């Protein structure tokens, strides 16, 4: 699973907005994707921005993100 797919999975299953650091923690906890040598916080924030640009994720209040479905 790609990191972006893991983000979408976590947000979809959470059913509520989440902070990107919490999303990263959940991805690692569940073993959904391997970040390799990359910093997971930076990777997650960058992927969230890409997903926002594609209209798949939107900003929620207080620095959180939600899935657009």
PDB file of N, CA and C in Angstrom:
ATOM      1  N   UNK A   1       0.857  -1.168   0.000  1.00  0.00           N
ATOM      2  CA  UNK A   1       0.000   0.000   0.000  1.00  0.00           C
ATOM      3  C   UNK A   1       0.906   1.235   0.000  1.00  0.00           C
ATOM      4  N   UNK A   2       0.548   2.225  -0.808  1.00  0.00           N
ATOM      5  CA  UNK A   2       1.318   3.467  -0.807  1.00  0.00           C
ATOM      6  C   UNK A   2       0.997   4.280   0.441  1.00  0.00           C
ATOM      7  N   UNK A   3       1.853   5.261   0.736  1.00  0.00           N
ATOM      8  CA  UNK A   3       1.601   6.114   1.899  1.00  0.00           C
ATOM      9  C   UNK A   3       0.301   6.885   1.711  1.00  0.00           C
ATOM     10  N   UNK A   4       0.051   7.371   0.488  1.00  0.00           N
ATOM     11  CA  UNK A   4      -1.192   8.105   0.210  1.00  0.00           C
ATOM     12  C   UNK A   4      -2.410   7.209   0.421  1.00  0.00           C
ATOM     13  N   UNK A   5      -2.342   5.973  -0.048  1.00  0.00           N
ATOM     14  CA  UNK A   5      -3.454   5.038   0.159  1.00  0.00           C
ATOM     15  C   UNK A   5      -3.670   4.763   1.649  1.00  0.00           C
ATOM     16  N   UNK A   6      -2.579   4.667   2.394  1.00  0.00           N
ATOM     17  CA  UNK A   6      -2.687   4.440   3.835  1.00  0.00           C
ATOM     18  C   UNK A   6      -3.352   5.630   4.526  1.00  0.00           C
ATOM     19  N   UNK A   7      -3.014   6.838   4.098  1.00  0.00           N
ATOM     20  CA  UNK A   7      -3.651   8.040   4.652  1.00  0.00           C
ATOM     21  C   UNK A   7      -5.151   7.984   4.412  1.00  0.00           C
ATOM     22  N   UNK A   8      -5.539   7.692   3.187  1.00  0.00           N
ATOM     23  CA  UNK A   8      -6.965   7.633   2.857  1.00  0.00           C
ATOM     24  C   UNK A   8      -7.673   6.546   3.662  1.00  0.00           C
ATOM     25  N   UNK A   9      -7.031   5.412   3.832  1.00  0.00           N
ATOM     26  CA  UNK A   9      -7.613   4.320   4.617  1.00  0.00           C
ATOM     27  C   UNK A   9      -7.842   4.747   6.063  1.00  0.00           C
ATOM     28  N   UNK A  10      -6.840   5.352   6.668  1.00  0.00           N
ATOM     29  CA  UNK A  10      -6.949   5.777   8.069  1.00  0.00           C
ATOM     30  C   UNK A  10      -8.041   6.825   8.226  1.00  0.00           C
ATOM     31  N   UNK A  11      -8.061   7.828   7.346  1.00  0.00           N
ATOM     32  CA  UNK A  11      -9.076   8.877   7.452  1.00  0.00           C
ATOM     33  C   UNK A  11     -10.482   8.329   7.220  1.00  0.00           C
ATOM     34  N   UNK A  12     -10.612   7.439   6.256  1.00  0.00           N
ATOM     35  CA  UNK A  12     -11.923   6.852   5.955  1.00  0.00           C
ATOM     36  C   UNK A  12     -12.438   6.059   7.154  1.00  0.00           C
ATOM     37  N   UNK A  13     -11.585   5.254   7.736  1.00  0.00           N
ATOM     38  CA  UNK A  13     -11.994   4.406   8.855  1.00  0.00           C
ATOM     39  C   UNK A  13     -12.184   5.196  10.151  1.00  0.00           C
ATOM     40  N   UNK A  14     -11.490   6.318  10.287  1.00  0.00           N
ATOM     41  CA  UNK A  14     -11.628   7.140  11.497  1.00  0.00           C
ATOM     42  C   UNK A  14     -13.008   7.780  11.552  1.00  0.00           C
ATOM     43  N   UNK A  15     -13.517   8.195  10.405  1.00  0.00           N
ATOM     44  CA  UNK A  15     -14.837   8.806  10.366  1.00  0.00           C
ATOM     45  C   UNK A  15     -14.891  10.208  10.937  1.00  0.00           C
ATOM     46  N   UNK A  16     -13.739  10.766  11.269  1.00  0.00           N
ATOM     47  CA  UNK A  16     -13.677  12.131  11.787  1.00  0.00           C
ATOM     48  C   UNK A  16     -12.326  12.733  11.407  1.00  0.00           C
ATOM     49  N   UNK A  17     -12.226  14.057  11.409  1.00  0.00           N
ATOM     50  CA  UNK A  17     -10.954  14.699  11.058  1.00  0.00           C
ATOM     51  C   UNK A  17      -9.835  14.290  12.012  1.00  0.00           C
ATOM     52  N   UNK A  18      -8.627  14.223  11.453  1.00  0.00           N
ATOM     53  CA  UNK A  18      -7.450  13.853  12.241  1.00  0.00           C
ATOM     54  C   UNK A  18      -6.286  14.770  11.891  1.00  0.00           C
ATOM     55  N   UNK A  19      -5.398  14.993  12.846  1.00  0.00           N
ATOM     56  CA  UNK A  19      -4.151  15.711  12.603  1.00  0.00           C
ATOM     57  C   UNK A  19      -3.212  14.798  11.815  1.00  0.00           C
ATOM     58  N   UNK A  20      -2.368  15.401  10.970  1.00  0.00           N
ATOM     59  CA  UNK A  20      -1.499  14.568  10.136  1.00  0.00           C
ATOM     60  C   UNK A  20      -0.538  13.724  10.973  1.00  0.00           C
ATOM     61  N   UNK A  21      -0.102  14.216  12.117  1.00  0.00           N
ATOM     62  CA  UNK A  21       0.793  13.422  12.967  1.00  0.00           C
ATOM     63  C   UNK A  21       0.073  12.204  13.538  1.00  0.00           C
ATOM     64  N   UNK A  22      -1.203  12.360  13.851  1.00  0.00           N
ATOM     65  CA  UNK A  22      -1.991  11.225  14.340  1.00  0.00           C
ATOM     66  C   UNK A  22      -2.213  10.202  13.237  1.00  0.00           C
ATOM     67  N   UNK A  23      -2.394  10.689  12.013  1.00  0.00           N
ATOM     68  CA  UNK A  23      -2.541   9.786  10.865  1.00  0.00           C
ATOM     69  C   UNK A  23      -1.250   8.987  10.686  1.00  0.00           C
ATOM     70  N   UNK A  24      -0.109   9.665  10.743  1.00  0.00           N
ATOM     71  CA  UNK A  24       1.185   8.990  10.590  1.00  0.00           C
ATOM     72  C   UNK A  24       1.380   7.926  11.666  1.00  0.00           C
ATOM     73  N   UNK A  25       1.047   8.265  12.888  1.00  0.00           N
ATOM     74  CA  UNK A  25       1.176   7.316  13.998  1.00  0.00           C
ATOM     75  C   UNK A  25       0.310   6.085  13.767  1.00  0.00           C
ATOM     76  N   UNK A  26      -0.901   6.300  13.300  1.00  0.00           N
ATOM     77  CA  UNK A  26      -1.825   5.182  13.052  1.00  0.00           C
ATOM     78  C   UNK A  26      -1.340   4.301  11.901  1.00  0.00           C
ATOM     79  N   UNK A  27      -0.802   4.910  10.857  1.00  0.00           N
ATOM     80  CA  UNK A  27      -0.266   4.132   9.735  1.00  0.00           C
ATOM     81  C   UNK A  27       0.845   3.211  10.226  1.00  0.00           C
ATOM     82  N   UNK A  28       1.751   3.752  11.015  1.00  0.00           N
ATOM     83  CA  UNK A  28       2.856   2.946  11.541  1.00  0.00           C
ATOM     84  C   UNK A  28       2.363   1.882  12.511  1.00  0.00           C
ATOM     85  N   UNK A  29       1.449   2.255  13.393  1.00  0.00           N
ATOM     86  CA  UNK A  29       0.918   1.307  14.387  1.00  0.00           C
ATOM     87  C   UNK A  29       0.288   0.099  13.717  1.00  0.00           C
ATOM     88  N   UNK A  30      -0.437   0.362  12.631  1.00  0.00           N
ATOM     89  CA  UNK A  30      -1.140  -0.716  11.933  1.00  0.00           C
ATOM     90  C   UNK A  30      -0.298  -1.380  10.853  1.00  0.00           C
ATOM     91  N   UNK A  31       0.881  -0.851  10.578  1.00  0.00           N
ATOM     92  CA  UNK A  31       1.758  -1.427   9.563  1.00  0.00           C
ATOM     93  C   UNK A  31       1.186  -1.341   8.161  1.00  0.00           C
ATOM     94  N   UNK A  32       0.474  -0.263   7.865  1.00  0.00           N
ATOM     95  CA  UNK A  32      -0.176  -0.127   6.560  1.00  0.00           C
ATOM     96  C   UNK A  32       0.794   0.195   5.432  1.00  0.00           C
ATOM     97  N   UNK A  33       1.876   0.901   5.740  1.00  0.00           N
ATOM     98  CA  UNK A  33       2.852   1.273   4.719  1.00  0.00           C
ATOM     99  C   UNK A  33       4.208   1.467   5.383  1.00  0.00           C
ATOM    100  N   UNK A  34       5.254   1.342   4.587  1.00  0.00           N
ATOM    101  CA  UNK A  34       6.619   1.497   5.083  1.00  0.00           C
ATOM    102  C   UNK A  34       7.181   2.821   4.569  1.00  0.00           C
ATOM    103  N   UNK A  35       7.575   3.719   5.477  1.00  0.00           N
ATOM    104  CA  UNK A  35       8.103   5.009   5.038  1.00  0.00           C
ATOM    105  C   UNK A  35       9.541   4.934   4.548  1.00  0.00           C
ATOM    106  N   UNK A  36      10.164   3.792   4.692  1.00  0.00           N
ATOM    107  CA  UNK A  36      11.570   3.680   4.319  1.00  0.00           C
ATOM    108  C   UNK A  36      12.408   4.538   5.255  1.00  0.00           C
ATOM    109  N   UNK A  37      13.318   5.297   4.695  1.00  0.00           N
ATOM    110  CA  UNK A  37      14.209   6.145   5.491  1.00  0.00           C
ATOM    111  C   UNK A  37      13.647   7.544   5.702  1.00  0.00           C
ATOM    112  N   UNK A  38      12.462   7.809   5.170  1.00  0.00           N
ATOM    113  CA  UNK A  38      11.902   9.164   5.224  1.00  0.00           C
ATOM    114  C   UNK A  38      11.288   9.479   6.585  1.00  0.00           C
ATOM    115  N   UNK A  39      11.293  10.762   6.933  1.00  0.00           N
ATOM    116  CA  UNK A  39      10.653  11.253   8.151  1.00  0.00           C
ATOM    117  C   UNK A  39       9.143  11.134   7.963  1.00  0.00           C
ATOM    118  N   UNK A  40       8.476  10.403   8.829  1.00  0.00           N
ATOM    119  CA  UNK A  40       7.048  10.131   8.629  1.00  0.00           C
ATOM    120  C   UNK A  40       6.177  11.377   8.741  1.00  0.00           C
ATOM    121  N   UNK A  41       6.557  12.328   9.590  1.00  0.00           N
ATOM    122  CA  UNK A  41       5.760  13.551   9.705  1.00  0.00           C
ATOM    123  C   UNK A  41       5.840  14.377   8.428  1.00  0.00           C
ATOM    124  N   UNK A  42       7.049  14.536   7.896  1.00  0.00           N
ATOM    125  CA  UNK A  42       7.226  15.292   6.654  1.00  0.00           C
ATOM    126  C   UNK A  42       6.541  14.570   5.504  1.00  0.00           C
ATOM    127  N   UNK A  43       6.721  13.263   5.428  1.00  0.00           N
ATOM    128  CA  UNK A  43       6.094  12.465   4.373  1.00  0.00           C
ATOM    129  C   UNK A  43       4.574  12.582   4.421  1.00  0.00           C
ATOM    130  N   UNK A  44       3.998  12.465   5.606  1.00  0.00           N
ATOM    131  CA  UNK A  44       2.542  12.525   5.745  1.00  0.00           C
ATOM    132  C   UNK A  44       2.017  13.904   5.381  1.00  0.00           C
ATOM    133  N   UNK A  45       2.680  14.947   5.836  1.00  0.00           N
ATOM    134  CA  UNK A  45       2.236  16.308   5.518  1.00  0.00           C
ATOM    135  C   UNK A  45       2.310  16.552   4.013  1.00  0.00           C
ATOM    136  N   UNK A  46       3.389  16.111   3.368  1.00  0.00           N
ATOM    137  CA  UNK A  46       3.531  16.281   1.918  1.00  0.00           C
ATOM    138  C   UNK A  46       2.443  15.519   1.164  1.00  0.00           C
ATOM    139  N   UNK A  47       2.172  14.294   1.576  1.00  0.00           N
ATOM    140  CA  UNK A  47       1.132  13.501   0.908  1.00  0.00           C
ATOM    141  C   UNK A  47      -0.254  14.099   1.144  1.00  0.00           C
ATOM    142  N   UNK A  48      -0.495  14.639   2.334  1.00  0.00           N
ATOM    143  CA  UNK A  48      -1.780  15.305   2.612  1.00  0.00           C
ATOM    144  C   UNK A  48      -1.979  16.474   1.653  1.00  0.00           C
ATOM    145  N   UNK A  49      -0.911  17.246   1.415  1.00  0.00           N
ATOM    146  CA  UNK A  49      -0.990  18.374   0.487  1.00  0.00           C
ATOM    147  C   UNK A  49      -1.306  17.881  -0.919  1.00  0.00           C
ATOM    148  N   UNK A  50      -0.654  16.819  -1.359  1.00  0.00           N
ATOM    149  CA  UNK A  50      -0.940  16.248  -2.689  1.00  0.00           C
ATOM    150  C   UNK A  50      -2.390  15.766  -2.773  1.00  0.00           C
ATOM    151  N   UNK A  51      -2.858  15.113  -1.733  1.00  0.00           N
ATOM    152  CA  UNK A  51      -4.238  14.622  -1.718  1.00  0.00           C
ATOM    153  C   UNK A  51      -5.232  15.780  -1.704  1.00  0.00           C
ATOM    154  N   UNK A  52      -4.890  16.876  -1.034  1.00  0.00           N
ATOM    155  CA  UNK A  52      -5.744  18.068  -1.055  1.00  0.00           C
ATOM    156  C   UNK A  52      -5.814  18.635  -2.465  1.00  0.00           C
ATOM    157  N   UNK A  53      -4.673  18.721  -3.123  1.00  0.00           N
ATOM    158  CA  UNK A  53      -4.626  19.255  -4.487  1.00  0.00           C
ATOM    159  C   UNK A  53      -5.437  18.407  -5.458  1.00  0.00           C
ATOM    160  N   UNK A  54      -5.566  17.129  -5.175  1.00  0.00           N
ATOM    161  CA  UNK A  54      -6.358  16.223  -6.016  1.00  0.00           C
ATOM    162  C   UNK A  54      -7.825  16.180  -5.592  1.00  0.00           C
ATOM    163  N   UNK A  55      -8.171  16.899  -4.523  1.00  0.00           N
ATOM    164  CA  UNK A  55      -9.554  16.952  -4.062  1.00  0.00           C
ATOM    165  C   UNK A  55     -10.008  15.740  -3.274  1.00  0.00           C
ATOM    166  N   UNK A  56      -9.064  14.952  -2.767  1.00  0.00           N
ATOM    167  CA  UNK A  56      -9.408  13.741  -2.024  1.00  0.00           C
ATOM    168  C   UNK A  56      -9.462  13.963  -0.515  1.00  0.00           C
ATOM    169  N   UNK A  57      -8.785  15.016  -0.059  1.00  0.00           N
ATOM    170  CA  UNK A  57      -8.713  15.356   1.359  1.00  0.00           C
ATOM    171  C   UNK A  57      -8.924  16.855   1.481  1.00  0.00           C
ATOM    172  N   UNK A  58      -9.571  17.282   2.547  1.00  0.00           N
ATOM    173  CA  UNK A  58      -9.751  18.721   2.777  1.00  0.00           C
ATOM    174  C   UNK A  58      -9.338  19.076   4.201  1.00  0.00           C
ATOM    175  N   UNK A  59      -9.051  20.352   4.387  1.00  0.00           N
ATOM    176  CA  UNK A  59      -8.693  20.843   5.719  1.00  0.00           C
ATOM    177  C   UNK A  59      -9.931  20.906   6.592  1.00  0.00           C
ATOM    178  N   UNK A  60      -9.736  20.615   7.842  1.00  0.00           N
ATOM    179  CA  UNK A  60     -10.793  20.737   8.846  1.00  0.00           C
ATOM    180  C   UNK A  60     -10.279  21.716   9.900  1.00  0.00           C
ATOM    181  N   UNK A  61     -11.140  22.187  10.771  1.00  0.00           N
ATOM    182  CA  UNK A  61     -10.692  23.126  11.804  1.00  0.00           C
ATOM    183  C   UNK A  61      -9.557  22.570  12.667  1.00  0.00           C
ATOM    184  N   UNK A  62      -8.771  23.482  13.191  1.00  0.00           N
ATOM    185  CA  UNK A  62      -7.706  23.184  14.151  1.00  0.00           C
ATOM    186  C   UNK A  62      -6.626  22.261  13.613  1.00  0.00           C
ATOM    187  N   UNK A  63      -6.218  22.476  12.362  1.00  0.00           N
ATOM    188  CA  UNK A  63      -5.090  21.746  11.806  1.00  0.00           C
ATOM    189  C   UNK A  63      -5.335  20.289  11.507  1.00  0.00           C
ATOM    190  N   UNK A  64      -6.573  19.938  11.296  1.00  0.00           N
ATOM    191  CA  UNK A  64      -6.900  18.546  11.002  1.00  0.00           C
ATOM    192  C   UNK A  64      -7.321  18.395   9.545  1.00  0.00           C
ATOM    193  N   UNK A  65      -7.383  17.150   9.107  1.00  0.00           N
ATOM    194  CA  UNK A  65      -7.770  16.821   7.741  1.00  0.00           C
ATOM    195  C   UNK A  65      -8.899  15.809   7.760  1.00  0.00           C
ATOM    196  N   UNK A  66      -9.716  15.852   6.704  1.00  0.00           N
ATOM    197  CA  UNK A  66     -10.801  14.875   6.568  1.00  0.00           C
ATOM    198  C   UNK A  66     -10.845  14.402   5.121  1.00  0.00           C
ATOM    199  N   UNK A  67     -11.404  13.244   4.936  1.00  0.00           N
ATOM    200  CA  UNK A  67     -11.552  12.682   3.598  1.00  0.00           C
ATOM    201  C   UNK A  67     -12.753  13.332   2.914  1.00  0.00           C
ATOM    202  N   UNK A  68     -12.649  13.545   1.617  1.00  0.00           N
ATOM    203  CA  UNK A  68     -13.743  14.149   0.840  1.00  0.00           C
ATOM    204  C   UNK A  68     -14.510  13.032   0.139  1.00  0.00           C
ATOM    205  N   UNK A  69     -15.589  12.589   0.744  1.00  0.00           N
ATOM    206  CA  UNK A  69     -16.406  11.539   0.107  1.00  0.00           C
ATOM    207  C   UNK A  69     -17.858  11.862   0.271  1.00  0.00           C
TER     208      UNK A  69
END
